[in-house]
N, C-alpha and C. Protein backbone atom coordinates (compact mmCIF):
# COMPACT_ATOMS: atom_id res chain seq x y z
N GLU A 1 105.36 -145.18 98.47
CA GLU A 1 105.18 -146.54 98.46
C GLU A 1 104.04 -146.93 97.67
N LEU A 2 103.07 -145.96 97.33
CA LEU A 2 101.88 -146.36 96.52
C LEU A 2 102.41 -146.85 95.16
N GLU A 3 103.51 -146.46 94.64
CA GLU A 3 103.98 -146.96 93.37
C GLU A 3 104.29 -148.54 93.51
N GLN A 4 104.89 -148.82 94.74
CA GLN A 4 105.21 -150.17 94.96
C GLN A 4 104.04 -151.03 95.03
N LEU A 5 103.01 -150.54 95.67
CA LEU A 5 101.66 -151.29 95.98
C LEU A 5 101.03 -151.47 94.66
N TRP A 6 101.04 -150.43 93.82
CA TRP A 6 100.44 -150.53 92.45
C TRP A 6 101.23 -151.39 91.57
N THR A 7 102.48 -151.36 91.67
CA THR A 7 103.29 -152.27 90.70
C THR A 7 103.03 -153.73 91.12
N HIS A 8 103.04 -153.96 92.46
CA HIS A 8 102.82 -155.35 92.83
C HIS A 8 101.45 -155.73 92.45
N SER A 9 100.39 -154.85 92.54
CA SER A 9 99.09 -155.25 92.27
C SER A 9 98.88 -155.50 90.69
N ILE A 10 99.51 -154.65 89.87
CA ILE A 10 99.60 -154.98 88.47
C ILE A 10 100.21 -156.23 88.17
N ALA A 11 101.32 -156.49 88.73
CA ALA A 11 101.96 -157.81 88.53
C ALA A 11 101.11 -159.08 88.86
N VAL A 12 100.43 -158.89 90.06
CA VAL A 12 99.57 -159.97 90.47
C VAL A 12 98.37 -160.07 89.39
N ALA A 13 97.83 -158.96 88.95
CA ALA A 13 96.70 -159.02 87.96
C ALA A 13 97.17 -159.76 86.81
N HIS A 14 98.37 -159.55 86.22
CA HIS A 14 98.90 -160.29 84.92
C HIS A 14 99.14 -161.61 85.35
N ALA A 15 99.64 -162.01 86.57
CA ALA A 15 99.86 -163.41 86.80
C ALA A 15 98.72 -164.04 86.96
N ALA A 16 97.58 -163.46 87.57
CA ALA A 16 96.32 -164.16 87.78
C ALA A 16 95.71 -164.45 86.46
N ARG A 17 95.77 -163.48 85.48
CA ARG A 17 95.12 -163.58 84.23
C ARG A 17 95.90 -164.75 83.43
N HIS A 18 97.18 -164.87 83.55
CA HIS A 18 97.93 -165.88 82.83
C HIS A 18 97.67 -167.28 83.44
N LEU A 19 97.58 -167.38 84.69
CA LEU A 19 97.32 -168.59 85.42
C LEU A 19 95.86 -169.00 85.10
N SER A 20 95.02 -168.18 84.89
CA SER A 20 93.55 -168.44 84.54
C SER A 20 93.48 -169.13 83.22
N ARG A 21 94.34 -168.64 82.33
CA ARG A 21 94.24 -169.15 80.94
C ARG A 21 94.84 -170.52 80.95
N SER A 22 95.98 -170.70 81.66
CA SER A 22 96.54 -172.06 81.61
C SER A 22 95.78 -173.12 82.45
N ARG A 23 94.88 -172.64 83.33
CA ARG A 23 94.12 -173.46 84.11
C ARG A 23 92.74 -173.68 83.66
N HIS A 24 92.33 -173.09 82.58
CA HIS A 24 91.12 -172.96 81.82
C HIS A 24 90.06 -172.51 82.70
N TYR A 25 90.31 -171.51 83.52
CA TYR A 25 89.35 -170.70 84.25
C TYR A 25 88.67 -169.84 83.24
N ASP A 26 87.30 -169.78 83.36
CA ASP A 26 86.46 -169.25 82.23
C ASP A 26 86.50 -167.73 82.17
N HIS A 27 87.09 -167.08 83.20
CA HIS A 27 86.88 -165.67 83.27
C HIS A 27 88.28 -164.98 83.44
N PRO A 28 89.19 -164.99 82.46
CA PRO A 28 90.60 -164.37 82.73
C PRO A 28 90.52 -162.90 83.04
N GLN A 29 89.49 -162.15 82.56
CA GLN A 29 89.44 -160.63 82.78
C GLN A 29 88.91 -160.55 84.30
N THR A 30 88.18 -161.40 84.85
CA THR A 30 87.73 -161.41 86.19
C THR A 30 88.94 -161.65 87.09
N ALA A 31 89.81 -162.65 86.75
CA ALA A 31 91.01 -162.92 87.43
C ALA A 31 91.96 -161.76 87.48
N TYR A 32 92.12 -161.06 86.24
CA TYR A 32 92.87 -159.88 86.23
C TYR A 32 92.38 -158.84 87.18
N LEU A 33 91.09 -158.53 87.14
CA LEU A 33 90.59 -157.43 88.01
C LEU A 33 90.79 -157.95 89.61
N ALA A 34 90.45 -159.15 89.87
CA ALA A 34 90.69 -159.59 91.24
C ALA A 34 92.14 -159.48 91.71
N GLY A 35 93.17 -159.79 90.78
CA GLY A 35 94.46 -159.65 91.08
C GLY A 35 94.93 -158.18 91.27
N LEU A 36 94.36 -157.37 90.53
CA LEU A 36 94.52 -155.83 90.48
C LEU A 36 94.03 -155.36 91.80
N LEU A 37 92.91 -155.66 92.35
CA LEU A 37 92.36 -155.11 93.55
C LEU A 37 92.61 -156.03 94.80
N HIS A 38 93.26 -157.04 94.71
CA HIS A 38 93.47 -157.90 95.91
C HIS A 38 94.10 -157.19 97.17
N ASN A 39 94.80 -156.10 97.00
CA ASN A 39 95.26 -155.33 98.10
C ASN A 39 94.55 -154.09 98.38
N THR A 40 93.34 -154.06 98.10
CA THR A 40 92.51 -152.78 98.41
C THR A 40 92.69 -152.35 99.86
N GLY A 41 92.64 -153.21 100.66
CA GLY A 41 92.79 -152.94 102.08
C GLY A 41 94.07 -152.32 102.47
N LEU A 42 95.19 -152.68 101.84
CA LEU A 42 96.53 -152.15 102.08
C LEU A 42 96.58 -150.69 101.40
N LEU A 43 95.99 -150.60 100.24
CA LEU A 43 95.85 -149.18 99.58
C LEU A 43 95.03 -148.28 100.49
N ALA A 44 93.95 -148.82 101.19
CA ALA A 44 93.15 -148.01 102.05
C ALA A 44 93.99 -147.46 103.24
N ILE A 45 94.82 -148.33 103.75
CA ILE A 45 95.64 -147.96 104.92
C ILE A 45 96.69 -146.98 104.48
N ALA A 46 97.26 -147.27 103.25
CA ALA A 46 98.26 -146.39 102.75
C ALA A 46 97.66 -144.97 102.44
N HIS A 47 96.38 -144.87 102.14
CA HIS A 47 95.81 -143.59 101.92
C HIS A 47 95.69 -142.80 103.18
N VAL A 48 95.38 -143.51 104.19
CA VAL A 48 95.16 -142.88 105.69
C VAL A 48 96.37 -142.61 106.39
N VAL A 49 97.39 -143.54 106.35
CA VAL A 49 98.66 -143.42 107.01
C VAL A 49 99.87 -143.84 106.12
N PRO A 50 100.15 -143.03 105.16
CA PRO A 50 101.20 -143.37 104.05
C PRO A 50 102.54 -143.60 104.76
N GLU A 51 102.93 -142.83 105.64
CA GLU A 51 104.15 -143.01 106.16
C GLU A 51 104.30 -144.30 106.90
N ALA A 52 103.31 -144.75 107.55
CA ALA A 52 103.45 -145.97 108.42
C ALA A 52 103.50 -147.20 107.40
N VAL A 53 102.74 -147.10 106.33
CA VAL A 53 102.76 -148.17 105.27
C VAL A 53 104.19 -148.14 104.58
N SER A 54 104.64 -146.98 104.28
CA SER A 54 105.93 -146.84 103.71
C SER A 54 106.97 -147.51 104.53
N GLU A 55 106.97 -147.24 105.94
CA GLU A 55 107.89 -147.80 106.84
C GLU A 55 107.74 -149.37 106.82
N LEU A 56 106.61 -149.78 106.83
CA LEU A 56 106.29 -151.25 106.87
C LEU A 56 106.81 -151.93 105.64
N LEU A 57 106.46 -151.36 104.53
CA LEU A 57 107.04 -151.95 103.18
C LEU A 57 108.49 -151.70 102.98
N GLY A 58 109.09 -150.77 103.79
CA GLY A 58 110.58 -150.55 103.59
C GLY A 58 111.48 -151.64 104.15
N GLN A 59 110.78 -152.44 104.92
CA GLN A 59 111.64 -153.66 105.53
C GLN A 59 111.29 -154.90 104.58
N THR A 60 112.08 -155.88 104.80
CA THR A 60 111.80 -157.13 104.16
C THR A 60 110.74 -157.85 105.00
N GLU A 61 110.04 -158.74 104.30
CA GLU A 61 108.97 -159.51 104.90
C GLU A 61 109.37 -159.99 106.26
N PRO A 62 108.58 -159.62 107.26
CA PRO A 62 108.98 -160.19 108.70
C PRO A 62 108.85 -161.59 108.77
N PRO A 63 109.61 -162.33 109.62
CA PRO A 63 109.50 -163.78 109.72
C PRO A 63 108.02 -164.13 110.12
N THR A 64 107.32 -163.29 110.88
CA THR A 64 105.90 -163.64 111.22
C THR A 64 104.92 -163.49 110.08
N GLY A 65 105.40 -162.79 108.97
CA GLY A 65 104.51 -162.52 107.91
C GLY A 65 103.91 -161.17 108.01
N TRP A 66 103.50 -160.72 106.85
CA TRP A 66 102.90 -159.39 106.59
C TRP A 66 101.75 -159.12 107.46
N LEU A 67 100.87 -160.17 107.42
CA LEU A 67 99.43 -159.90 108.30
C LEU A 67 99.81 -159.71 109.74
N VAL A 68 100.76 -160.48 110.31
CA VAL A 68 101.02 -160.24 111.77
C VAL A 68 101.81 -158.93 112.03
N ALA A 69 102.55 -158.48 110.97
CA ALA A 69 103.32 -157.21 111.13
C ALA A 69 102.22 -156.04 110.99
N GLU A 70 101.27 -156.26 110.05
CA GLU A 70 100.13 -155.11 110.00
C GLU A 70 99.36 -155.09 111.23
N HIS A 71 98.98 -156.23 111.73
CA HIS A 71 98.15 -156.20 112.94
C HIS A 71 98.94 -155.53 114.17
N GLU A 72 100.18 -155.91 114.23
CA GLU A 72 100.96 -155.24 115.32
C GLU A 72 101.11 -153.66 115.09
N ARG A 73 101.14 -153.36 113.81
CA ARG A 73 101.46 -151.85 113.63
C ARG A 73 100.11 -151.20 113.59
N PHE A 74 99.07 -151.67 112.97
CA PHE A 74 97.83 -150.91 112.71
C PHE A 74 96.63 -151.38 113.59
N GLY A 75 96.93 -152.59 114.31
CA GLY A 75 95.65 -152.92 115.03
C GLY A 75 94.68 -153.75 114.16
N ASN A 76 95.07 -154.02 112.89
CA ASN A 76 94.11 -154.59 111.95
C ASN A 76 94.98 -155.09 110.79
N THR A 77 94.41 -155.82 109.88
CA THR A 77 95.05 -156.37 108.69
C THR A 77 94.46 -155.80 107.35
N HIS A 78 95.16 -155.81 106.33
CA HIS A 78 94.57 -155.25 105.13
C HIS A 78 93.48 -156.19 104.53
N THR A 79 93.32 -157.49 104.94
CA THR A 79 92.34 -158.35 104.53
C THR A 79 91.13 -158.02 105.27
N ASN A 80 91.17 -157.82 106.63
CA ASN A 80 90.14 -157.46 107.41
C ASN A 80 89.47 -156.08 106.89
N ILE A 81 90.36 -155.14 106.75
CA ILE A 81 89.92 -153.79 106.24
C ILE A 81 89.20 -153.96 104.85
N ALA A 82 89.73 -154.66 104.01
CA ALA A 82 89.19 -154.93 102.68
C ALA A 82 87.78 -155.56 102.90
N ASN A 83 87.69 -156.49 103.77
CA ASN A 83 86.37 -157.20 104.07
C ASN A 83 85.32 -156.20 104.44
N GLN A 84 85.68 -155.22 105.28
CA GLN A 84 84.84 -154.27 105.76
C GLN A 84 84.41 -153.28 104.69
N LEU A 85 85.34 -152.98 103.79
CA LEU A 85 85.12 -152.06 102.71
C LEU A 85 84.17 -152.69 101.66
N ALA A 86 84.49 -154.00 101.37
CA ALA A 86 83.71 -154.80 100.39
C ALA A 86 82.17 -154.84 100.81
N LYS A 87 81.98 -154.99 102.12
CA LYS A 87 80.55 -154.96 102.63
C LYS A 87 79.98 -153.59 102.45
N ARG A 88 80.74 -152.64 102.90
CA ARG A 88 80.16 -151.26 102.83
C ARG A 88 79.95 -150.76 101.32
N TRP A 89 80.75 -151.12 100.48
CA TRP A 89 80.67 -150.74 99.03
C TRP A 89 79.75 -151.68 98.26
N SER A 90 79.31 -152.74 98.83
CA SER A 90 78.49 -153.76 98.25
C SER A 90 79.19 -154.31 96.95
N LEU A 91 80.40 -154.64 97.14
CA LEU A 91 81.11 -155.22 95.97
C LEU A 91 80.61 -156.73 95.71
N PRO A 92 80.88 -157.19 94.43
CA PRO A 92 80.38 -158.50 94.11
C PRO A 92 80.94 -159.43 95.04
N GLN A 93 80.23 -160.62 95.27
CA GLN A 93 80.74 -161.61 96.29
C GLN A 93 81.99 -162.29 95.83
N TRP A 94 82.21 -162.46 94.50
CA TRP A 94 83.49 -163.04 94.10
C TRP A 94 84.73 -162.23 94.55
N LEU A 95 84.46 -160.86 94.35
CA LEU A 95 85.60 -159.90 94.62
C LEU A 95 85.79 -159.73 96.16
N HIS A 96 84.70 -159.76 96.79
CA HIS A 96 84.77 -159.65 98.30
C HIS A 96 85.52 -160.88 98.90
N GLU A 97 85.33 -162.10 98.40
CA GLU A 97 86.03 -163.24 98.82
C GLU A 97 87.43 -163.12 98.57
N VAL A 98 87.76 -162.70 97.39
CA VAL A 98 89.31 -162.52 97.06
C VAL A 98 89.87 -161.60 98.03
N LEU A 99 89.30 -160.44 98.28
CA LEU A 99 89.87 -159.46 99.19
C LEU A 99 90.03 -159.99 100.53
N TRP A 100 89.12 -160.86 100.99
CA TRP A 100 89.16 -161.33 102.30
C TRP A 100 89.97 -162.49 102.46
N TRP A 101 90.09 -163.43 101.55
CA TRP A 101 90.61 -164.77 101.77
C TRP A 101 91.91 -165.04 100.90
N HIS A 102 92.55 -164.11 100.22
CA HIS A 102 93.59 -164.32 99.29
C HIS A 102 94.98 -164.71 100.00
N HIS A 103 94.99 -164.61 101.25
CA HIS A 103 96.23 -165.08 102.00
C HIS A 103 95.93 -166.41 102.67
N GLN A 104 94.73 -166.82 102.73
CA GLN A 104 94.39 -168.10 103.48
C GLN A 104 94.77 -169.40 102.77
N ALA A 105 95.41 -170.36 103.45
CA ALA A 105 95.73 -171.68 102.86
C ALA A 105 94.44 -172.40 102.64
N ASP A 106 94.46 -173.39 101.66
CA ASP A 106 93.34 -174.20 101.32
C ASP A 106 92.49 -174.68 102.43
N GLU A 107 93.24 -175.22 103.45
CA GLU A 107 92.42 -175.94 104.56
C GLU A 107 91.77 -174.88 105.37
N GLY A 108 92.10 -173.62 105.29
CA GLY A 108 91.50 -172.59 106.14
C GLY A 108 90.29 -171.95 105.32
N LEU A 109 90.03 -172.16 104.13
CA LEU A 109 89.05 -171.55 103.36
C LEU A 109 87.69 -172.13 103.53
N PRO A 110 86.74 -171.13 103.69
CA PRO A 110 85.42 -171.71 103.93
C PRO A 110 84.83 -172.56 102.76
N PRO A 111 84.16 -173.61 103.04
CA PRO A 111 83.65 -174.44 101.92
C PRO A 111 82.51 -174.00 100.95
N ASN A 112 82.05 -172.75 101.36
CA ASN A 112 80.97 -172.17 100.63
C ASN A 112 81.24 -171.02 99.76
N LEU A 113 82.59 -170.80 99.39
CA LEU A 113 82.94 -169.68 98.58
C LEU A 113 82.21 -169.80 97.24
N SER A 114 81.88 -168.63 96.83
CA SER A 114 81.18 -168.64 95.55
C SER A 114 82.06 -168.88 94.32
N ASP A 115 83.31 -168.53 94.45
CA ASP A 115 84.44 -168.83 93.40
C ASP A 115 85.73 -169.23 94.07
N LEU A 116 85.75 -170.33 94.53
CA LEU A 116 87.07 -170.99 95.11
C LEU A 116 88.13 -170.84 94.18
N ALA A 117 87.93 -171.25 92.96
CA ALA A 117 89.03 -171.32 92.01
C ALA A 117 89.67 -169.90 91.76
N LEU A 118 88.93 -168.78 91.88
CA LEU A 118 89.39 -167.46 91.74
C LEU A 118 90.19 -167.06 92.95
N VAL A 119 89.86 -167.44 94.04
CA VAL A 119 90.54 -167.08 95.29
C VAL A 119 91.90 -167.82 95.29
N GLU A 120 91.83 -169.09 94.75
CA GLU A 120 93.04 -169.85 94.73
C GLU A 120 94.07 -169.37 93.72
N LEU A 121 93.46 -168.94 92.59
CA LEU A 121 94.22 -168.23 91.49
C LEU A 121 94.96 -166.95 91.96
N VAL A 122 94.29 -166.09 92.56
CA VAL A 122 94.85 -164.83 93.05
C VAL A 122 95.88 -165.11 94.27
N ARG A 123 95.62 -166.07 95.07
CA ARG A 123 96.58 -166.42 96.19
C ARG A 123 97.82 -166.91 95.40
N GLU A 124 97.67 -167.75 94.40
CA GLU A 124 98.92 -168.31 93.82
C GLU A 124 99.73 -167.32 93.06
N ALA A 125 98.88 -166.40 92.42
CA ALA A 125 99.62 -165.34 91.58
C ALA A 125 100.26 -164.36 92.63
N ASP A 126 99.69 -164.01 93.68
CA ASP A 126 100.33 -163.24 94.73
C ASP A 126 101.56 -163.93 95.32
N SER A 127 101.51 -165.22 95.51
CA SER A 127 102.58 -165.92 95.99
C SER A 127 103.82 -165.88 95.21
N LEU A 128 103.49 -166.00 93.70
CA LEU A 128 104.55 -166.13 92.76
C LEU A 128 105.14 -164.72 92.61
N VAL A 129 104.43 -163.77 92.59
CA VAL A 129 104.77 -162.39 92.42
C VAL A 129 105.54 -162.06 93.64
N SER A 130 105.23 -162.49 94.85
CA SER A 130 105.97 -162.10 96.12
C SER A 130 107.40 -162.80 96.11
N GLN A 131 107.70 -163.62 95.11
CA GLN A 131 108.99 -164.19 95.01
C GLN A 131 109.77 -163.63 93.94
N SER A 132 109.20 -162.48 93.42
CA SER A 132 109.92 -161.76 92.37
C SER A 132 110.34 -160.28 92.69
N GLU A 133 110.81 -159.69 91.69
CA GLU A 133 111.23 -158.23 92.01
C GLU A 133 110.08 -157.40 92.18
N PHE A 134 108.86 -157.83 92.01
CA PHE A 134 107.59 -157.15 92.16
C PHE A 134 106.97 -157.36 93.53
N ALA A 135 107.80 -157.96 94.39
CA ALA A 135 107.30 -158.24 95.69
C ALA A 135 107.09 -156.94 96.53
N LEU A 136 106.27 -157.02 97.52
CA LEU A 136 106.11 -155.88 98.46
C LEU A 136 107.44 -156.05 99.30
N GLY A 137 107.93 -154.83 99.71
CA GLY A 137 109.10 -154.90 100.60
C GLY A 137 110.33 -154.86 99.78
N ARG A 138 110.26 -154.67 98.50
CA ARG A 138 111.43 -154.46 97.62
C ARG A 138 111.29 -153.11 97.04
N PRO A 139 112.39 -152.35 96.92
CA PRO A 139 112.32 -151.16 96.20
C PRO A 139 111.87 -151.28 94.80
N VAL A 140 111.16 -150.29 94.16
CA VAL A 140 110.77 -150.30 92.84
C VAL A 140 111.80 -149.59 91.98
N ASP A 141 112.31 -150.32 91.07
CA ASP A 141 113.51 -149.82 90.20
C ASP A 141 113.06 -150.29 88.79
N SER A 142 112.33 -149.53 88.06
CA SER A 142 111.85 -149.90 86.69
C SER A 142 113.10 -150.11 85.81
N LYS A 143 114.16 -149.56 86.06
CA LYS A 143 115.46 -149.73 85.23
C LYS A 143 115.89 -151.04 85.13
N SER A 144 115.73 -151.83 86.32
CA SER A 144 116.28 -153.22 86.40
C SER A 144 115.23 -154.31 86.29
N TRP A 145 114.11 -153.91 85.75
CA TRP A 145 113.10 -154.89 85.54
C TRP A 145 113.52 -155.89 84.56
N GLY A 146 113.60 -157.08 84.89
CA GLY A 146 113.90 -158.14 83.92
C GLY A 146 112.77 -159.20 84.12
N LEU A 147 113.17 -160.39 83.66
CA LEU A 147 112.05 -161.38 83.93
C LEU A 147 112.36 -162.07 85.21
N PRO A 148 111.36 -161.93 86.14
CA PRO A 148 111.51 -162.27 87.54
C PRO A 148 111.81 -163.75 87.79
N TRP A 149 111.49 -164.76 87.01
CA TRP A 149 111.78 -166.04 87.22
C TRP A 149 112.74 -166.58 86.26
N LYS A 150 112.36 -167.65 85.50
CA LYS A 150 113.30 -168.14 84.40
C LYS A 150 112.97 -167.40 83.16
N SER A 151 114.04 -167.21 82.36
CA SER A 151 113.99 -166.38 81.22
C SER A 151 113.02 -167.06 80.21
N ASP A 152 112.79 -168.31 80.16
CA ASP A 152 111.86 -168.97 79.22
C ASP A 152 110.49 -169.27 79.76
N ASP A 153 110.25 -168.61 80.93
CA ASP A 153 108.96 -168.78 81.62
C ASP A 153 107.78 -167.75 80.97
N ALA A 154 106.78 -168.32 80.45
CA ALA A 154 105.81 -167.52 79.81
C ALA A 154 105.07 -166.65 80.88
N LEU A 155 104.93 -167.14 82.09
CA LEU A 155 104.31 -166.44 83.14
C LEU A 155 105.16 -165.18 83.45
N ALA A 156 106.38 -165.39 83.63
CA ALA A 156 107.30 -164.26 83.90
C ALA A 156 107.30 -163.20 82.87
N ALA A 157 107.33 -163.70 81.62
CA ALA A 157 107.36 -162.75 80.42
C ALA A 157 106.06 -161.91 80.46
N ALA A 158 104.89 -162.60 80.68
CA ALA A 158 103.66 -161.79 80.65
C ALA A 158 103.44 -160.85 81.81
N VAL A 159 103.88 -161.21 82.90
CA VAL A 159 103.90 -160.32 84.07
C VAL A 159 104.87 -159.17 83.87
N SER A 160 106.00 -159.34 83.49
CA SER A 160 107.03 -158.27 83.25
C SER A 160 106.60 -157.38 82.04
N ARG A 161 106.07 -157.94 80.94
CA ARG A 161 105.59 -157.07 79.99
C ARG A 161 104.36 -156.22 80.44
N GLY A 162 103.50 -156.79 81.13
CA GLY A 162 102.32 -156.11 81.59
C GLY A 162 102.63 -154.86 82.57
N VAL A 163 103.59 -155.23 83.42
CA VAL A 163 104.08 -154.13 84.47
C VAL A 163 104.76 -153.11 83.65
N ARG A 164 105.52 -153.42 82.74
CA ARG A 164 106.32 -152.36 81.90
C ARG A 164 105.26 -151.55 81.16
N GLN A 165 104.26 -152.08 80.56
CA GLN A 165 103.22 -151.20 79.80
C GLN A 165 102.38 -150.31 80.85
N ALA A 166 102.03 -150.84 81.92
CA ALA A 166 101.47 -150.09 82.91
C ALA A 166 102.21 -148.97 83.37
N ALA A 167 103.55 -149.22 83.62
CA ALA A 167 104.45 -148.16 84.17
C ALA A 167 104.58 -147.10 83.16
N ARG A 168 104.74 -147.49 81.94
CA ARG A 168 104.80 -146.47 80.81
C ARG A 168 103.41 -145.55 80.81
N LEU A 169 102.32 -146.16 81.03
CA LEU A 169 101.01 -145.52 81.00
C LEU A 169 101.01 -144.56 82.17
N PHE A 170 101.52 -144.96 83.33
CA PHE A 170 101.38 -144.16 84.56
C PHE A 170 102.38 -143.03 84.44
N HIS A 171 103.58 -143.22 83.98
CA HIS A 171 104.58 -142.22 83.87
C HIS A 171 104.38 -141.15 82.81
N ASP A 172 103.61 -141.60 81.66
CA ASP A 172 103.51 -140.68 80.61
C ASP A 172 102.03 -140.10 80.53
N HIS A 173 101.22 -140.45 81.42
CA HIS A 173 99.74 -140.11 81.38
C HIS A 173 99.63 -138.62 81.53
N PRO A 174 98.83 -138.02 80.75
CA PRO A 174 98.59 -136.55 80.85
C PRO A 174 98.07 -136.04 82.12
N LEU A 175 97.44 -136.87 82.94
CA LEU A 175 96.86 -136.42 84.22
C LEU A 175 97.74 -136.76 85.33
N LYS A 176 99.02 -137.29 85.03
CA LYS A 176 99.87 -137.58 86.15
C LYS A 176 100.00 -136.42 87.07
N ALA A 177 100.03 -136.70 88.27
CA ALA A 177 100.13 -135.59 89.42
C ALA A 177 101.35 -134.69 89.04
N SER A 178 101.08 -133.43 89.24
CA SER A 178 102.13 -132.40 89.01
C SER A 178 101.93 -131.22 90.00
N PRO A 179 102.87 -130.44 90.20
CA PRO A 179 102.66 -129.42 91.11
C PRO A 179 101.83 -128.29 90.62
N GLU A 180 101.36 -128.39 89.44
CA GLU A 180 100.49 -127.36 88.82
C GLU A 180 99.06 -127.21 89.71
N ASP A 181 98.32 -126.15 89.48
CA ASP A 181 97.14 -125.99 90.13
C ASP A 181 96.08 -127.14 89.83
N PRO A 182 95.46 -127.54 90.91
CA PRO A 182 94.49 -128.80 90.71
C PRO A 182 93.43 -128.41 89.73
N LYS A 183 92.97 -127.05 89.65
CA LYS A 183 91.95 -126.78 88.71
C LYS A 183 92.33 -127.04 87.22
N GLN A 184 93.67 -126.78 86.98
CA GLN A 184 94.24 -127.04 85.64
C GLN A 184 94.18 -128.57 85.32
N SER A 185 94.41 -129.33 86.35
CA SER A 185 94.39 -130.88 86.14
C SER A 185 93.04 -131.34 85.90
N VAL A 186 91.96 -130.66 86.55
CA VAL A 186 90.55 -131.04 86.31
C VAL A 186 90.23 -130.62 84.95
N THR A 187 90.54 -129.43 84.45
CA THR A 187 90.26 -128.99 83.18
C THR A 187 90.82 -129.84 82.07
N ARG A 188 92.11 -130.29 82.36
CA ARG A 188 92.75 -131.06 81.43
C ARG A 188 92.01 -132.51 81.28
N ALA A 189 91.61 -132.99 82.47
CA ALA A 189 90.81 -134.30 82.47
C ALA A 189 89.54 -134.17 81.70
N VAL A 190 88.85 -132.98 81.87
CA VAL A 190 87.52 -132.80 81.10
C VAL A 190 87.87 -132.75 79.63
N GLU A 191 89.03 -132.17 79.23
CA GLU A 191 89.35 -132.01 77.78
C GLU A 191 89.64 -133.38 77.16
N LEU A 192 90.24 -134.23 78.10
CA LEU A 192 90.55 -135.65 77.50
C LEU A 192 89.29 -136.40 77.26
């Protein structure tokens, strides 16, 4: 399920960058990075208990929402875990806020966020991607990737193109995990 998480994150990154440009947000690369890392907490959980995350993502979104399902299953949510990690890692405030608040509705956001527009962009990008084939809880099938919304939608085209490019990079990368000796992988990494 890590592939599904990364595919979703890459899709959110491309959607956030596209939205940032159409909304004249001054830092589209920041929006991309924030979208890419928005589910850091979920990636951390998947690293510790991959089977449980796989099981959770193997179902469709519960009627109560992912955060409630996470809290019931893990005793915590990915946003709370990301908040703790952001503090521990001393991440920049703008990224910390995205990790912590990207699921919160406007009326629930604190008024003193350093970059409210960025949090809103990532939330909207995540929401749009969650209605597409790149949503969490849907199997990843790169053979069936098409345009997730309307065929003439520039956002859909940008997201789909970005995910395809990233998928090719991951699948063809010379350091892709293989059953070979880890020392050979490290040697190959040094050579690159």
